[in-house]
C-alpha atoms as a PDB file:
ATOM      1  CA  MET A   1      14.075  13.747  28.967  1.00  0.00           C
ATOM      2  CA  PRO A   2      14.720   9.975  29.368  1.00  0.00           C
ATOM      3  CA  LEU A   3      11.648   7.774  29.340  1.00  0.00           C
ATOM      4  CA  ARG A   4      10.921   4.149  30.051  1.00  0.00           C
ATOM      5  CA  TRP A   5      11.198   2.254  26.814  1.00  0.00           C
ATOM      6  CA  ARG A   6       7.487   1.376  26.875  1.00  0.00           C
ATOM      7  CA  ASP A   7       6.581   5.111  26.946  1.00  0.00           C
ATOM      8  CA  ALA A   8       9.237   6.131  24.342  1.00  0.00           C
ATOM      9  CA  MET A   9       8.163   3.394  21.945  1.00  0.00           C
ATOM     10  CA  ASP A  10       4.488   4.290  22.340  1.00  0.00           C
ATOM     11  CA  ARG A  11       5.137   7.903  21.509  1.00  0.00           C
ATOM     12  CA  ALA A  12       7.522   7.104  18.627  1.00  0.00           C
ATOM     13  CA  LEU A  13       5.253   4.720  16.886  1.00  0.00           C
ATOM     14  CA  TYR A  14       1.789   5.940  17.855  1.00  0.00           C
ATOM     15  CA  GLY A  15       2.083   9.634  18.870  1.00  0.00           C
ATOM     16  CA  PRO A  16       0.869  12.474  16.604  1.00  0.00           C
ATOM     17  CA  ALA A  17       3.960  12.359  14.540  1.00  0.00           C
ATOM     18  CA  GLY A  18       4.618   8.612  15.124  1.00  0.00           C
ATOM     19  CA  PHE A  19       6.130   6.213  12.689  1.00  0.00           C
ATOM     20  CA  PHE A  20       2.900   4.300  12.072  1.00  0.00           C
ATOM     21  CA  VAL A  21       0.559   7.345  12.239  1.00  0.00           C
ATOM     22  CA  ALA A  22       2.296   9.897  10.013  1.00  0.00           C
ATOM     23  CA  GLY A  23       4.622   7.670   7.814  1.00  0.00           C
ATOM     24  CA  ALA A  24       4.119   5.687   4.603  1.00  0.00           C
ATOM     25  CA  GLY A  25       3.046   2.546   6.559  1.00  0.00           C
ATOM     26  CA  PRO A  26       4.748  -0.712   7.263  1.00  0.00           C
ATOM     27  CA  ALA A  27       5.216  -1.696   3.495  1.00  0.00           C
ATOM     28  CA  GLY A  28       7.408   1.247   2.892  1.00  0.00           C
ATOM     29  CA  HIS A  29      10.053   0.135   5.357  1.00  0.00           C
ATOM     30  CA  PHE A  30      10.063  -3.630   5.865  1.00  0.00           C
ATOM     31  CA  ARG A  31       8.803  -6.731   4.301  1.00  0.00           C
ATOM     32  CA  THR A  32       5.975  -8.574   5.960  1.00  0.00           C
ATOM     33  CA  SER A  33       4.261 -11.856   5.054  1.00  0.00           C
ATOM     34  CA  ALA A  34       1.094  -9.925   4.085  1.00  0.00           C
ATOM     35  CA  HIS A  35       3.088  -7.847   1.625  1.00  0.00           C
ATOM     36  CA  ALA A  36       5.514 -10.498   0.383  1.00  0.00           C
ATOM     37  CA  SER A  37       3.343 -12.670  -1.753  1.00  0.00           C
ATOM     38  CA  PRO A  38      -0.338 -13.307  -2.828  1.00  0.00           C
ATOM     39  CA  ALA A  39       0.392 -16.833  -1.421  1.00  0.00           C
ATOM     40  CA  PHE A  40       0.015 -15.651   2.051  1.00  0.00           C
ATOM     41  CA  ALA A  41      -3.451 -14.035   1.381  1.00  0.00           C
ATOM     42  CA  ALA A  42      -4.483 -17.214  -0.398  1.00  0.00           C
ATOM     43  CA  ALA A  43      -3.514 -19.320   2.587  1.00  0.00           C
ATOM     44  CA  VAL A  44      -5.365 -16.964   4.965  1.00  0.00           C
ATOM     45  CA  PHE A  45      -8.406 -17.081   2.611  1.00  0.00           C
ATOM     46  CA  ARG A  46      -8.349 -20.797   2.712  1.00  0.00           C
ATOM     47  CA  LEU A  47      -8.547 -20.575   6.609  1.00  0.00           C
ATOM     48  CA  VAL A  48     -11.337 -17.978   6.240  1.00  0.00           C
ATOM     49  CA  SER A  49     -13.381 -20.361   4.028  1.00  0.00           C
ATOM     50  CA  ARG A  50     -12.907 -23.353   6.309  1.00  0.00           C
ATOM     51  CA  LEU A  51     -13.875 -21.268   9.407  1.00  0.00           C
ATOM     52  CA  ASP A  52     -16.972 -19.943   7.567  1.00  0.00           C
ATOM     53  CA  ALA A  53     -18.148 -23.490   6.964  1.00  0.00           C
ATOM     54  CA  ALA A  54     -17.357 -24.477  10.591  1.00  0.00           C
ATOM     55  CA  LEU A  55     -19.308 -21.649  11.890  1.00  0.00           C
ATOM     56  CA  GLY A  56     -22.296 -22.573   9.639  1.00  0.00           C
ATOM     57  CA  PHE A  57     -21.919 -19.735   7.122  1.00  0.00           C
ATOM     58  CA  PRO A  58     -22.868 -16.800   9.449  1.00  0.00           C
ATOM     59  CA  ALA A  59     -24.219 -13.505   8.148  1.00  0.00           C
ATOM     60  CA  PRO A  60     -22.248 -11.469   8.558  1.00  0.00           C
ATOM     61  CA  PHE A  61     -18.859 -13.142   8.713  1.00  0.00           C
ATOM     62  CA  ASP A  62     -16.449 -10.650  10.341  1.00  0.00           C
ATOM     63  CA  LEU A  63     -12.975 -10.284   9.005  1.00  0.00           C
ATOM     64  CA  VAL A  64     -11.015  -7.907  11.394  1.00  0.00           C
ATOM     65  CA  ASP A  65      -7.438  -6.962  10.900  1.00  0.00           C
ATOM     66  CA  VAL A  66      -5.704  -5.524  13.930  1.00  0.00           C
ATOM     67  CA  GLY A  67      -2.713  -3.332  12.916  1.00  0.00           C
ATOM     68  CA  ALA A  68      -3.956  -3.276   9.301  1.00  0.00           C
ATOM     69  CA  GLY A  69      -1.201  -1.081   7.768  1.00  0.00           C
ATOM     70  CA  ARG A  70      -2.903   0.383   4.873  1.00  0.00           C
ATOM     71  CA  GLY A  71      -5.442  -2.330   4.558  1.00  0.00           C
ATOM     72  CA  GLU A  72      -3.496  -4.421   1.964  1.00  0.00           C
ATOM     73  CA  LEU A  73      -4.360  -7.857   3.420  1.00  0.00           C
ATOM     74  CA  LEU A  74      -8.106  -7.072   3.666  1.00  0.00           C
ATOM     75  CA  VAL A  75      -8.182  -5.790   0.167  1.00  0.00           C
ATOM     76  CA  ALA A  76      -6.465  -9.039  -1.032  1.00  0.00           C
ATOM     77  CA  LEU A  77      -8.904 -11.233   0.994  1.00  0.00           C
ATOM     78  CA  ALA A  78     -11.903  -9.301  -0.279  1.00  0.00           C
ATOM     79  CA  THR A  79     -10.754  -9.858  -3.824  1.00  0.00           C
ATOM     80  CA  LEU A  80     -10.244 -13.541  -3.303  1.00  0.00           C
ATOM     81  CA  ALA A  81     -13.796 -13.793  -1.835  1.00  0.00           C
ATOM     82  CA  ASP A  82     -15.139 -12.066  -4.935  1.00  0.00           C
ATOM     83  CA  GLU A  83     -13.359 -14.508  -7.174  1.00  0.00           C
ATOM     84  CA  ALA A  84     -14.402 -17.665  -5.277  1.00  0.00           C
ATOM     85  CA  ALA A  85     -16.958 -19.665  -6.815  1.00  0.00           C
ATOM     86  CA  ALA A  86     -17.721 -21.659  -3.558  1.00  0.00           C
ATOM     87  CA  PRO A  87     -16.038 -22.002  -0.216  1.00  0.00           C
ATOM     88  CA  ASP A  88     -13.588 -24.624   0.761  1.00  0.00           C
ATOM     89  CA  THR A  89     -16.149 -26.774   2.649  1.00  0.00           C
ATOM     90  CA  ALA A  90     -14.913 -28.479   5.772  1.00  0.00           C
ATOM     91  CA  PRO A  91     -16.083 -30.850   7.233  1.00  0.00           C
ATOM     92  CA  SER A  92     -17.063 -32.851   4.292  1.00  0.00           C
ATOM     93  CA  GLY A  93     -20.736 -33.110   3.694  1.00  0.00           C
ATOM     94  CA  THR A  94     -21.479 -29.429   4.639  1.00  0.00           C
ATOM     95  CA  SER A  95     -24.116 -27.920   2.356  1.00  0.00           C
ATOM     96  CA  PRO A  96     -23.065 -24.863   0.307  1.00  0.00           C
ATOM     97  CA  PRO A  97     -24.008 -21.533   1.890  1.00  0.00           C
ATOM     98  CA  PRO A  98     -27.256 -19.945   0.731  1.00  0.00           C
ATOM     99  CA  VAL A  99     -25.382 -16.567   0.346  1.00  0.00           C
ATOM    100  CA  PRO A 100     -21.851 -16.412  -1.095  1.00  0.00           C
ATOM    101  CA  LEU A 101     -19.109 -15.400   1.447  1.00  0.00           C
ATOM    102  CA  ALA A 102     -18.311 -12.177  -0.577  1.00  0.00           C
ATOM    103  CA  ASP A 103     -21.837 -11.049   0.185  1.00  0.00           C
ATOM    104  CA  ARG A 104     -21.623 -11.818   3.862  1.00  0.00           C
ATOM    105  CA  LEU A 105     -18.155 -10.396   4.600  1.00  0.00           C
ATOM    106  CA  ARG A 106     -17.972  -7.481   7.102  1.00  0.00           C
ATOM    107  CA  LEU A 107     -14.495  -6.031   6.770  1.00  0.00           C
ATOM    108  CA  THR A 108     -12.842  -4.024   9.515  1.00  0.00           C
ATOM    109  CA  ALA A 109      -9.352  -2.513   9.617  1.00  0.00           C
ATOM    110  CA  VAL A 110      -8.079  -1.457  12.963  1.00  0.00           C
ATOM    111  CA  GLU A 111      -5.389   1.176  12.736  1.00  0.00           C
ATOM    112  CA  LEU A 112      -4.398   4.444  14.185  1.00  0.00           C
ATOM    113  CA  ALA A 113      -3.129   6.066  10.998  1.00  0.00           C
ATOM    114  CA  PRO A 114      -5.632   8.053   8.849  1.00  0.00           C
ATOM    115  CA  ARG A 115      -7.857   5.965   6.411  1.00  0.00           C
ATOM    116  CA  PRO A 116      -6.071   5.621   3.056  1.00  0.00           C
ATOM    117  CA  PRO A 117      -7.938   7.634   0.380  1.00  0.00           C
ATOM    118  CA  ASP A 118      -8.008   4.666  -2.053  1.00  0.00           C
ATOM    119  CA  LEU A 119      -9.276   2.106   0.405  1.00  0.00           C
ATOM    120  CA  PRO A 120     -12.514   0.409  -0.922  1.00  0.00           C
ATOM    121  CA  PRO A 121     -15.461   1.830   0.926  1.00  0.00           C
ATOM    122  CA  ALA A 122     -16.622  -1.695   1.937  1.00  0.00           C
ATOM    123  CA  ILE A 123     -13.785  -1.831   4.461  1.00  0.00           C
ATOM    124  CA  ASP A 124     -14.520  -0.052   7.740  1.00  0.00           C
ATOM    125  CA  TRP A 125     -11.588   1.887   9.285  1.00  0.00           C
ATOM    126  CA  THR A 126     -11.495   2.217  12.980  1.00  0.00           C
ATOM    127  CA  THR A 127      -9.031   2.711  15.932  1.00  0.00           C
ATOM    128  CA  GLU A 128     -10.498  -0.074  18.077  1.00  0.00           C
ATOM    129  CA  ALA A 129     -11.592  -3.575  17.310  1.00  0.00           C
ATOM    130  CA  PRO A 130     -15.306  -4.131  17.375  1.00  0.00           C
ATOM    131  CA  THR A 131     -17.007  -6.386  20.001  1.00  0.00           C
ATOM    132  CA  GLY A 132     -19.141  -9.411  19.319  1.00  0.00           C
ATOM    133  CA  ILE A 133     -16.949 -10.796  16.386  1.00  0.00           C
ATOM    134  CA  THR A 134     -18.128 -13.887  14.576  1.00  0.00           C
ATOM    135  CA  GLY A 135     -15.412 -14.833  12.206  1.00  0.00           C
ATOM    136  CA  LEU A 136     -11.647 -14.316  11.952  1.00  0.00           C
ATOM    137  CA  LEU A 137      -9.633 -11.594  13.936  1.00  0.00           C
ATOM    138  CA  LEU A 138      -6.127 -11.158  12.322  1.00  0.00           C
ATOM    139  CA  ALA A 139      -3.131  -9.626  14.033  1.00  0.00           C
ATOM    140  CA  THR A 140      -0.263 -10.017  11.580  1.00  0.00           C
ATOM    141  CA  GLU A 141       2.954  -8.555  12.878  1.00  0.00           C
ATOM    142  CA  TRP A 142       1.101  -6.294  15.370  1.00  0.00           C
ATOM    143  CA  LEU A 143       2.061  -7.725  18.650  1.00  0.00           C
ATOM    144  CA  ASP A 144       5.887  -7.050  17.919  1.00  0.00           C
ATOM    145  CA  ASN A 145       5.004  -3.353  17.817  1.00  0.00           C
ATOM    146  CA  VAL A 146       2.929  -3.193  21.070  1.00  0.00           C
ATOM    147  CA  PRO A 147       5.324  -1.135  23.354  1.00  0.00           C
ATOM    148  CA  VAL A 148       7.358  -3.076  25.814  1.00  0.00           C
ATOM    149  CA  ASP A 149       9.587  -2.099  28.714  1.00  0.00           C
ATOM    150  CA  VAL A 150      13.227  -3.173  28.865  1.00  0.00           C
ATOM    151  CA  ALA A 151      14.731  -4.306  32.088  1.00  0.00           C
ATOM    152  CA  VAL A 152      18.327  -4.988  33.303  1.00  0.00           C
ATOM    153  CA  PRO A 153      19.551  -6.618  36.383  1.00  0.00           C
ATOM    154  CA  THR A 154      21.593  -4.397  38.890  1.00  0.00           C
ATOM    155  CA  GLU A 155      23.270  -4.893  42.339  1.00  0.00           C
ATOM    156  CA  THR A 156      19.863  -3.784  43.839  1.00  0.00           C
ATOM    157  CA  GLY A 157      17.631  -5.864  41.609  1.00  0.00           C
ATOM    158  CA  TRP A 158      15.875  -5.447  38.269  1.00  0.00           C
ATOM    159  CA  ARG A 159      15.393  -1.934  37.007  1.00  0.00           C
ATOM    160  CA  TYR A 160      13.633  -0.495  33.954  1.00  0.00           C
ATOM    161  CA  VAL A 161      15.888   0.986  31.228  1.00  0.00           C
ATOM    162  CA  LEU A 162      15.417   4.650  30.513  1.00  0.00           C
ATOM    163  CA  VAL A 163      16.145   5.939  27.025  1.00  0.00           C
ATOM    164  CA  ASP A 164      16.670   9.474  25.509  1.00  0.00           C
ATOM    165  CA  PRO A 165      14.350   9.434  22.604  1.00  0.00           C
ATOM    166  CA  SER A 166      16.511  11.940  20.630  1.00  0.00           C
ATOM    167  CA  THR A 167      19.856  10.125  21.122  1.00  0.00           C
ATOM    168  CA  GLY A 168      19.062   6.542  22.171  1.00  0.00           C
ATOM    169  CA  GLU A 169      21.323   6.837  25.226  1.00  0.00           C
ATOM    170  CA  GLU A 170      20.247   4.539  28.036  1.00  0.00           C
ATOM    171  CA  THR A 171      20.453   4.601  31.775  1.00  0.00           C
ATOM    172  CA  PRO A 172      19.051   2.417  34.657  1.00  0.00           C
ATOM    173  CA  GLY A 173      15.861   3.669  35.952  1.00  0.00           C
ATOM    174  CA  PRO A 174      13.414   2.724  38.786  1.00  0.00           C
ATOM    175  CA  PRO A 175      12.895  -0.774  40.088  1.00  0.00           C
ATOM    176  CA  LEU A 176      10.405  -3.021  38.426  1.00  0.00           C
ATOM    177  CA  THR A 177       6.792  -2.993  39.688  1.00  0.00           C
ATOM    178  CA  GLU A 178       5.527  -6.069  41.458  1.00  0.00           C
ATOM    179  CA  VAL A 179       3.386  -7.127  38.587  1.00  0.00           C
ATOM    180  CA  ASP A 180       6.254  -6.925  36.049  1.00  0.00           C
ATOM    181  CA  GLN A 181       8.722  -8.666  38.376  1.00  0.00           C
ATOM    182  CA  THR A 182       6.102 -11.399  38.746  1.00  0.00           C
ATOM    183  CA  TRP A 183       5.869 -11.647  34.923  1.00  0.00           C
ATOM    184  CA  LEU A 184       9.631 -11.687  34.593  1.00  0.00           C
ATOM    185  CA  THR A 185      10.028 -14.478  37.091  1.00  0.00           C
ATOM    186  CA  ARG A 186       7.457 -16.642  35.408  1.00  0.00           C
ATOM    187  CA  TRP A 187       7.999 -16.019  31.669  1.00  0.00           C
ATOM    188  CA  HIS A 188      11.576 -14.794  31.191  1.00  0.00           C
ATOM    189  CA  PRO A 189      14.202 -16.619  33.322  1.00  0.00           C
ATOM    190  CA  THR A 190      17.583 -15.198  32.436  1.00  0.00           C
ATOM    191  CA  SER A 191      20.826 -16.880  31.712  1.00  0.00           C
ATOM    192  CA  GLY A 192      23.632 -15.245  33.755  1.00  0.00           C
ATOM    193  CA  PRO A 193      24.571 -11.742  34.725  1.00  0.00           C
ATOM    194  CA  GLY A 194      24.277  -8.785  32.382  1.00  0.00           C
ATOM    195  CA  GLY A 195      20.975 -10.066  30.926  1.00  0.00           C
ATOM    196  CA  ARG A 196      18.737  -7.695  29.247  1.00  0.00           C
ATOM    197  CA  VAL A 197      15.034  -8.516  28.720  1.00  0.00           C
ATOM    198  CA  GLU A 198      11.893  -7.123  27.279  1.00  0.00           C
ATOM    199  CA  VAL A 199       9.015  -7.211  29.620  1.00  0.00           C
ATOM    200  CA  GLY A 200       5.969  -8.553  27.698  1.00  0.00           C
ATOM    201  CA  ARG A 201       3.241  -8.168  30.188  1.00  0.00           C
ATOM    202  CA  GLY A 202       1.690  -5.321  28.088  1.00  0.00           C
ATOM    203  CA  ARG A 203       1.490  -7.651  25.103  1.00  0.00           C
ATOM    204  CA  ASP A 204      -0.313 -10.300  27.144  1.00  0.00           C
ATOM    205  CA  LEU A 205      -2.931  -7.662  28.072  1.00  0.00           C
ATOM    206  CA  ALA A 206      -3.250  -6.387  24.457  1.00  0.00           C
ATOM    207  CA  TRP A 207      -3.790  -9.945  23.128  1.00  0.00           C
ATOM    208  CA  ALA A 208      -6.217 -10.828  25.813  1.00  0.00           C
ATOM    209  CA  GLY A 209      -8.112  -7.582  24.940  1.00  0.00           C
ATOM    210  CA  VAL A 210      -8.646  -8.540  21.363  1.00  0.00           C
ATOM    211  CA  VAL A 211      -9.526 -12.151  22.166  1.00  0.00           C
ATOM    212  CA  GLU A 212     -12.276 -11.046  24.345  1.00  0.00           C
ATOM    213  CA  ARG A 213     -13.846  -9.221  21.481  1.00  0.00           C
ATOM    214  CA  LEU A 214     -14.651 -12.616  19.796  1.00  0.00           C
ATOM    215  CA  ARG A 215     -18.042 -14.183  20.180  1.00  0.00           C
ATOM    216  CA  ARG A 216     -17.281 -17.167  17.965  1.00  0.00           C
ATOM    217  CA  GLY A 217     -14.404 -17.788  15.729  1.00  0.00           C
ATOM    218  CA  VAL A 218     -10.591 -17.565  15.766  1.00  0.00           C
ATOM    219  CA  ALA A 219      -8.114 -14.873  16.646  1.00  0.00           C
ATOM    220  CA  LEU A 220      -4.918 -15.442  14.630  1.00  0.00           C
ATOM    221  CA  GLY A 221      -1.690 -13.797  15.710  1.00  0.00           C
ATOM    222  CA  VAL A 222       1.282 -13.977  13.304  1.00  0.00           C
ATOM    223  CA  ASP A 223       4.632 -12.794  14.511  1.00  0.00           C
ATOM    224  CA  TYR A 224       8.271 -13.314  15.206  1.00  0.00           C
ATOM    225  CA  GLY A 225       8.653 -14.747  18.627  1.00  0.00           C
ATOM    226  CA  HIS A 226      10.245 -17.098  21.169  1.00  0.00           C
ATOM    227  CA  LEU A 227       9.383 -19.503  23.984  1.00  0.00           C
ATOM    228  CA  ARG A 228      10.278 -19.731  27.641  1.00  0.00           C
ATOM    229  CA  ARG A 229      12.717 -22.510  27.057  1.00  0.00           C
ATOM    230  CA  ALA A 230      14.759 -20.457  24.509  1.00  0.00           C
ATOM    231  CA  ARG A 231      14.523 -16.740  25.049  1.00  0.00           C
ATOM    232  CA  PRO A 232      17.152 -14.857  23.126  1.00  0.00           C
ATOM    233  CA  ALA A 233      20.064 -13.544  25.282  1.00  0.00           C
ATOM    234  CA  GLY A 234      20.169  -9.788  25.376  1.00  0.00           C
ATOM    235  CA  GLY A 235      16.761  -9.204  24.035  1.00  0.00           C
ATOM    236  CA  THR A 236      15.573  -8.475  20.440  1.00  0.00           C
ATOM    237  CA  LEU A 237      14.792  -4.813  20.394  1.00  0.00           C
ATOM    238  CA  THR A 238      15.711  -3.223  17.017  1.00  0.00           C
ATOM    239  CA  GLY A 239      14.554  -0.799  14.370  1.00  0.00           C
ATOM    240  CA  TYR A 240      13.805  -0.726  10.726  1.00  0.00           C
ATOM    241  CA  ARG A 241      13.809   2.131   8.248  1.00  0.00           C
ATOM    242  CA  GLY A 242      13.640   1.998   4.473  1.00  0.00           C
ATOM    243  CA  GLY A 243      14.136  -1.699   4.250  1.00  0.00           C
ATOM    244  CA  ARG A 244      17.254  -1.742   6.524  1.00  0.00           C
ATOM    245  CA  GLN A 245      17.708  -2.798  10.093  1.00  0.00           C
ATOM    246  CA  VAL A 246      18.908   0.182  12.122  1.00  0.00           C
ATOM    247  CA  PRO A 247      19.355   0.902  15.814  1.00  0.00           C
ATOM    248  CA  PRO A 248      16.008   1.329  17.646  1.00  0.00           C
ATOM    249  CA  LEU A 249      15.962   5.063  18.038  1.00  0.00           C
ATOM    250  CA  PRO A 250      12.543   6.047  19.481  1.00  0.00           C
ATOM    251  CA  ASP A 251      12.195   9.456  17.827  1.00  0.00           C
ATOM    252  CA  GLY A 252       9.537   8.447  15.214  1.00  0.00           C
ATOM    253  CA  SER A 253      11.971   8.133  12.372  1.00  0.00           C
ATOM    254  CA  CYS A 254      11.915   4.276  12.325  1.00  0.00           C
ATOM    255  CA  ASP A 255      10.018   1.241  13.316  1.00  0.00           C
ATOM    256  CA  VAL A 256      10.917  -0.006  16.823  1.00  0.00           C
ATOM    257  CA  THR A 257      10.048  -3.592  17.264  1.00  0.00           C
ATOM    258  CA  ALA A 258      10.837  -6.667  19.605  1.00  0.00           C
ATOM    259  CA  HIS A 259      10.154 -10.274  19.188  1.00  0.00           C
ATOM    260  CA  VAL A 260       7.067 -11.679  21.145  1.00  0.00           C
ATOM    261  CA  ALA A 261       6.956 -14.024  24.088  1.00  0.00           C
ATOM    262  CA  MET A 262       4.513 -16.269  22.241  1.00  0.00           C
ATOM    263  CA  ASP A 263       3.842 -18.650  25.041  1.00  0.00           C
ATOM    264  CA  SER A 264       3.127 -15.870  27.563  1.00  0.00           C
ATOM    265  CA  VAL A 265       0.705 -14.133  25.155  1.00  0.00           C
ATOM    266  CA  ALA A 266      -0.982 -17.317  24.238  1.00  0.00           C
ATOM    267  CA  SER A 267      -1.652 -18.194  27.837  1.00  0.00           C
ATOM    268  CA  ALA A 268      -3.251 -14.827  28.485  1.00  0.00           C
ATOM    269  CA  GLY A 269      -5.531 -15.382  25.490  1.00  0.00           C
ATOM    270  CA  ALA A 270      -6.475 -18.844  26.580  1.00  0.00           C
ATOM    271  CA  ARG A 271      -7.562 -17.500  30.058  1.00  0.00           C
ATOM    272  CA  VAL A 272      -9.948 -15.050  28.404  1.00  0.00           C
ATOM    273  CA  ALA A 273     -11.217 -17.601  25.876  1.00  0.00           C
ATOM    274  CA  GLY A 274     -11.547 -20.411  28.335  1.00  0.00           C
ATOM    275  CA  CYS A 275     -10.251 -22.949  25.895  1.00  0.00           C
ATOM    276  CA  ALA A 276      -6.812 -24.058  24.631  1.00  0.00           C
ATOM    277  CA  TYR A 277      -4.733 -22.363  21.883  1.00  0.00           C
ATOM    278  CA  THR A 278      -2.709 -23.922  19.030  1.00  0.00           C
ATOM    279  CA  LEU A 279       0.719 -22.567  18.259  1.00  0.00           C
ATOM    280  CA  MET A 280       2.664 -23.647  15.214  1.00  0.00           C
ATOM    281  CA  SER A 281       5.380 -22.355  12.819  1.00  0.00           C
ATOM    282  CA  GLN A 282       4.428 -20.453   9.704  1.00  0.00           C
ATOM    283  CA  ARG A 283       5.968 -23.266   7.635  1.00  0.00           C
ATOM    284  CA  GLU A 284       3.569 -25.865   9.294  1.00  0.00           C
ATOM    285  CA  ALA A 285       0.528 -23.490   8.943  1.00  0.00           C
ATOM    286  CA  LEU A 286       0.940 -22.598   5.283  1.00  0.00           C
ATOM    287  CA  ARG A 287       1.462 -26.148   4.384  1.00  0.00           C
ATOM    288  CA  ALA A 288      -1.704 -27.165   6.213  1.00  0.00           C
ATOM    289  CA  LEU A 289      -3.547 -24.540   4.242  1.00  0.00           C
ATOM    290  CA  GLY A 290      -2.360 -25.704   0.879  1.00  0.00           C
ATOM    291  CA  ALA A 291       0.672 -23.571   0.189  1.00  0.00           C
ATOM    292  CA  ASP A 292       3.306 -25.860  -1.348  1.00  0.00           C
ATOM    293  CA  GLY A 293       6.795 -24.603  -1.970  1.00  0.00           C
ATOM    294  CA  GLY A 294       7.879 -27.553  -3.982  1.00  0.00           C
ATOM    295  CA  ARG A 295       9.310 -26.810  -7.408  1.00  0.00           C
ATOM    296  CA  PRO A 296       7.238 -27.906 -10.527  1.00  0.00           C
ATOM    297  CA  PRO A 297       8.508 -30.866 -12.431  1.00  0.00           C
ATOM    298  CA  LEU A 298      11.001 -29.818 -15.160  1.00  0.00           C
ATOM    299  CA  SER A 299       9.070 -31.773 -17.812  1.00  0.00           C
ATOM    300  CA  LEU A 300       6.292 -29.173 -17.516  1.00  0.00           C
ATOM    301  CA  ALA A 301       8.714 -26.683 -19.118  1.00  0.00           C
ATOM    302  CA  GLY A 302       8.730 -28.686 -22.303  1.00  0.00           C
ATOM    303  CA  THR A 303       4.999 -29.044 -22.576  1.00  0.00           C
ATOM    304  CA  ASP A 304       3.820 -25.749 -20.998  1.00  0.00           C
ATOM    305  CA  PRO A 305       6.581 -23.248 -20.692  1.00  0.00           C
ATOM    306  CA  ALA A 306       4.340 -20.473 -19.493  1.00  0.00           C
ATOM    307  CA  GLY A 307       2.658 -22.701 -16.938  1.00  0.00           C
ATOM    308  CA  TYR A 308       6.028 -23.794 -15.666  1.00  0.00           C
ATOM    309  CA  LEU A 309       7.180 -20.257 -15.165  1.00  0.00           C
ATOM    310  CA  ARG A 310       3.976 -19.410 -13.224  1.00  0.00           C
ATOM    311  CA  ALA A 311       4.343 -22.500 -11.149  1.00  0.00           C
ATOM    312  CA  LEU A 312       7.970 -21.717 -10.517  1.00  0.00           C
ATOM    313  CA  ALA A 313       7.231 -18.185  -9.313  1.00  0.00           C
ATOM    314  CA  ALA A 314       4.480 -19.491  -6.970  1.00  0.00           C
ATOM    315  CA  ALA A 315       6.817 -22.011  -5.605  1.00  0.00           C
ATOM    316  CA  SER A 316       9.513 -19.289  -5.012  1.00  0.00           C
ATOM    317  CA  ALA A 317       6.999 -17.085  -3.220  1.00  0.00           C
ATOM    318  CA  VAL A 318       5.934 -19.918  -0.850  1.00  0.00           C
ATOM    319  CA  ALA A 319       9.538 -20.832  -0.316  1.00  0.00           C
ATOM    320  CA  GLU A 320      10.147 -17.061   0.927  1.00  0.00           C
ATOM    321  CA  LEU A 321       7.191 -17.375   3.295  1.00  0.00           C
ATOM    322  CA  THR A 322       8.321 -20.666   4.760  1.00  0.00           C
ATOM    323  CA  ASP A 323      12.132 -19.966   5.024  1.00  0.00           C
ATOM    324  CA  PRO A 324      12.855 -20.554   8.682  1.00  0.00           C
ATOM    325  CA  ALA A 325      15.653 -17.958   8.506  1.00  0.00           C
ATOM    326  CA  GLY A 326      13.162 -15.351   7.315  1.00  0.00           C
ATOM    327  CA  LEU A 327       9.398 -14.961   7.211  1.00  0.00           C
ATOM    328  CA  GLY A 328       9.038 -18.702   7.884  1.00  0.00           C
ATOM    329  CA  GLY A 329      10.344 -17.926  11.301  1.00  0.00           C
ATOM    330  CA  HIS A 330       7.095 -16.444  12.329  1.00  0.00           C
ATOM    331  CA  TRP A 331       4.780 -18.230  14.745  1.00  0.00           C
ATOM    332  CA  TRP A 332       1.045 -18.707  14.111  1.00  0.00           C
ATOM    333  CA  LEU A 333      -0.995 -18.425  17.319  1.00  0.00           C
ATOM    334  CA  LEU A 334      -4.578 -19.541  16.830  1.00  0.00           C
ATOM    335  CA  GLN A 335      -7.011 -18.884  19.699  1.00  0.00           C
ATOM    336  CA  PRO A 336     -10.407 -20.442  18.969  1.00  0.00           C
ATOM    337  CA  VAL A 337     -13.708 -19.454  20.718  1.00  0.00           C
ATOM    338  CA  GLY A 338     -16.594 -21.848  20.101  1.00  0.00           C
ATOM    339  CA  VAL A 339     -14.874 -23.747  17.233  1.00  0.00           C
ATOM    340  CA  ALA A 340     -12.245 -26.486  16.874  1.00  0.00           C
ATOM    341  CA  VAL A 341      -8.875 -25.486  15.333  1.00  0.00           C
ATOM    342  CA  ASP A 342      -7.814 -29.089  14.385  1.00  0.00           C
ATOM    343  CA  ALA A 343     -10.276 -29.370  11.496  1.00  0.00           C
ATOM    344  CA  LEU A 344      -9.436 -25.907  10.087  1.00  0.00           C
ATOM    345  CA  MET A 345      -5.703 -26.711   9.929  1.00  0.00           C
ATOM    346  CA  ALA A 346      -5.856 -30.251   8.660  1.00  0.00           C
ATOM    347  CA  ARG A 347      -3.907 -30.819   5.483  1.00  0.00           C
END
């Protein structure tokens, strides 16, 4: 039976036999920044340390990962906290915390899949983000998997696209609701006839819903996306399976994803938070957090060959994370609540 894309995507990804619920997890099918390199976790930990200082070293410091996969990023951040001798204090002159960050971390993974059996017990596993968060809420490549409707223009106006989950065959469906039509008019002007768009209103609601869980701190969304002035013609809906891009068949056998209207999502979060957001490229963000993709000097190879190889490997990893044609094409959306972002992202 044909369904609206939003409903088909929701069932294919999050139903009882859905791709993210019953499968091997995101790392088994596509490469994300969180899985690509320890350099990503190191940069996020630098942000965590700076935010900890800006918040006055709260106890506990919440670290919440929405769409946590199998908890890989939280495990990496917890390890870095254990290894850290002292936080990266900012602003200058801040006294060191009386209790190390590792002893104040409260780690929460938000995911619909069952808890991995090997996940450290210190990480709480839940299907819904907690309220009253003080710290950092992460949403790394989560919004692109929040289900969206697809719409097409017809002679009688915009209509939802219906899809057969078993075959992928599409047909025009009912007219858009007034609220979706309003979203489309404001956020996704089209360029000529035959346009096909993804209606992102549900993602706005999802992001606003997690931002309102913050008491103080920052909500960080990292995702592929686009802005109103340059929406991609024809949409971006696609699938991934086993490391390969495939047609977006919503039968539970593959990931189904679409790029995020980042400015629309950001505006929704700002309305809830009551303060401005910051939007930057992953390349800018990682460099602000100390990730440098520059190659080490060749002279180092003569004096310290092993050190040169380590530095070269680290530079290559950062280069992958900042490549604008790949993972560097991500946007970083930072929504603060009760804290200033500028000092956190200063180089």
